[in-house]
Amino acid sequence: MVHREKSGELPASLSPAVIKDLLRGSLGWQGVVITDDLQMGAVENTYGMQEAVRLAVLAGSDILLFGNNMRHDPQEGRKAHAALVRLVREGAIPESRIRESYKRIMKLKAVAGLLH
């Protein structure tokens, strides 16, 4: 799904209008949001990993999915983590935004009985 933004078009996983406004706002979803595969061509070829990570997190996604099957890279997880850490350190993503996702993920784990 592509959502038309004021500044252009963004895939739903990167769109604040879809995640924040529609899903969390209008529909009232307060649970975990997982992106579509951020390695898909429409995202990777247009935005690159770091920008896709930045946009997805700022849009309100909690878990970033990298299928790692169309172009396998054993370091993909480490690269995504490094990009996220770099973006937080540079101030491009507020640490508070990461804490929001952490709280939602931990709540989901608790409900699923995955915490001791």
Protein backbone atom coordinates (compact mmCIF):
# COMPACT_ATOMS: atom_id res chain seq x y z
CA MET A 1 0.00 0.00 0.00
CA VAL A 2 1.30 3.44 -0.90
CA HIS A 3 -0.18 6.43 0.87
CA ARG A 4 -0.08 9.84 -0.76
CA GLU A 5 1.63 12.27 1.63
CA LYS A 6 1.66 16.03 1.38
CA SER A 7 5.32 15.81 0.34
CA GLY A 8 4.93 12.85 -2.05
CA GLU A 9 4.25 9.14 -1.71
CA LEU A 10 5.47 6.87 1.07
CA PRO A 11 4.91 3.15 1.53
CA ALA A 12 2.53 2.51 4.46
CA SER A 13 5.36 1.20 6.69
CA LEU A 14 7.09 4.59 6.41
CA SER A 15 4.02 6.80 6.55
CA PRO A 16 3.06 8.77 9.68
CA ALA A 17 -0.31 9.42 8.04
CA VAL A 18 -0.98 5.67 7.94
CA ILE A 19 0.59 4.56 11.23
CA LYS A 20 0.13 7.55 13.56
CA ASP A 21 -2.97 9.20 12.12
CA LEU A 22 -4.98 6.29 10.74
CA LEU A 23 -3.90 3.18 12.66
CA ARG A 24 -3.12 4.67 16.06
CA GLY A 25 -5.34 7.76 15.81
CA SER A 26 -8.56 7.01 13.94
CA LEU A 27 -8.58 3.26 14.60
CA GLY A 28 -7.22 3.50 18.15
CA TRP A 29 -4.63 0.71 17.81
CA GLN A 30 -2.22 0.90 20.74
CA GLY A 31 -0.39 -2.38 20.16
CA VAL A 32 2.83 -3.24 18.37
CA VAL A 33 3.21 -2.21 14.72
CA ILE A 34 5.54 -4.27 12.51
CA THR A 35 6.74 -2.93 9.17
CA ASP A 36 6.56 -4.71 5.86
CA ASP A 37 9.94 -5.96 4.59
CA LEU A 38 12.23 -2.92 4.53
CA GLN A 39 14.47 -4.71 2.03
CA MET A 40 11.78 -4.80 -0.64
CA GLY A 41 12.84 -2.97 -3.78
CA ALA A 42 10.35 -0.11 -3.43
CA VAL A 43 11.87 0.82 -0.07
CA GLU A 44 15.51 -0.22 -0.34
CA ASN A 45 16.07 1.23 -3.83
CA THR A 46 14.32 4.51 -3.02
CA TYR A 47 15.39 5.24 0.57
CA GLY A 48 18.30 2.99 1.54
CA MET A 49 18.52 1.30 4.91
CA GLN A 50 19.28 4.24 7.19
CA GLU A 51 16.55 6.48 5.77
CA ALA A 52 14.03 3.60 5.79
CA VAL A 53 14.86 2.92 9.46
CA ARG A 54 14.48 6.62 10.30
CA LEU A 55 11.18 6.99 8.47
CA ALA A 56 9.70 3.75 9.84
CA VAL A 57 10.52 4.58 13.46
CA LEU A 58 9.34 8.17 13.19
CA ALA A 59 6.14 6.98 11.50
CA GLY A 60 5.40 4.89 14.60
CA SER A 61 6.53 1.37 13.72
CA ASP A 62 7.84 -0.67 16.64
CA ILE A 63 9.47 -3.66 14.96
CA LEU A 64 11.39 -3.23 11.73
CA LEU A 65 11.29 -6.28 9.47
CA PHE A 66 14.19 -7.17 7.19
CA GLY A 67 13.27 -10.36 5.29
CA ASN A 68 16.89 -10.85 4.26
CA ASN A 69 15.91 -13.32 1.57
CA MET A 70 15.98 -11.46 -1.76
CA ARG A 71 19.53 -10.26 -1.16
CA HIS A 72 20.89 -12.24 1.76
CA ASP A 73 23.39 -10.45 3.98
CA PRO A 74 24.39 -12.20 7.22
CA GLN A 75 25.23 -8.76 8.66
CA GLU A 76 21.85 -7.16 7.85
CA GLY A 77 20.64 -7.25 11.46
CA ARG A 78 23.86 -5.67 12.73
CA LYS A 79 23.69 -3.01 10.01
CA ALA A 80 20.09 -2.14 10.90
CA HIS A 81 20.97 -1.96 14.60
CA ALA A 82 23.98 0.26 13.87
CA ALA A 83 21.82 2.56 11.72
CA LEU A 84 19.24 2.85 14.50
CA VAL A 85 21.87 3.59 17.16
CA ARG A 86 23.52 6.17 14.89
CA LEU A 87 20.19 7.90 14.21
CA VAL A 88 19.41 8.11 17.93
CA ARG A 89 22.91 9.40 18.77
CA GLU A 90 22.67 12.04 16.01
CA GLY A 91 19.27 13.14 17.32
CA ALA A 92 17.41 12.14 14.14
CA ILE A 93 15.27 9.80 16.25
CA PRO A 94 14.44 10.80 19.84
CA GLU A 95 15.36 8.22 22.47
CA SER A 96 11.83 8.65 23.85
CA ARG A 97 10.48 7.23 20.58
CA ILE A 98 12.56 4.06 21.11
CA ARG A 99 11.26 3.80 24.69
CA GLU A 100 7.65 3.94 23.40
CA SER A 101 8.29 0.95 21.15
CA TYR A 102 10.12 -0.89 23.93
CA LYS A 103 7.12 -0.51 26.25
CA ARG A 104 4.70 -1.81 23.62
CA ILE A 105 6.93 -4.77 22.77
CA MET A 106 7.43 -5.69 26.44
CA LYS A 107 3.67 -5.47 27.03
CA LEU A 108 3.08 -7.84 24.11
CA LYS A 109 5.69 -10.27 25.46
CA ALA A 110 4.06 -10.16 28.91
CA VAL A 111 0.59 -10.87 27.47
CA ALA A 112 2.06 -13.74 25.42
CA GLY A 113 3.68 -15.22 28.55
CA LEU A 114 7.20 -14.72 27.22
CA LEU A 115 8.56 -12.96 30.30
CA HIS A 116 9.64 -14.79 33.42
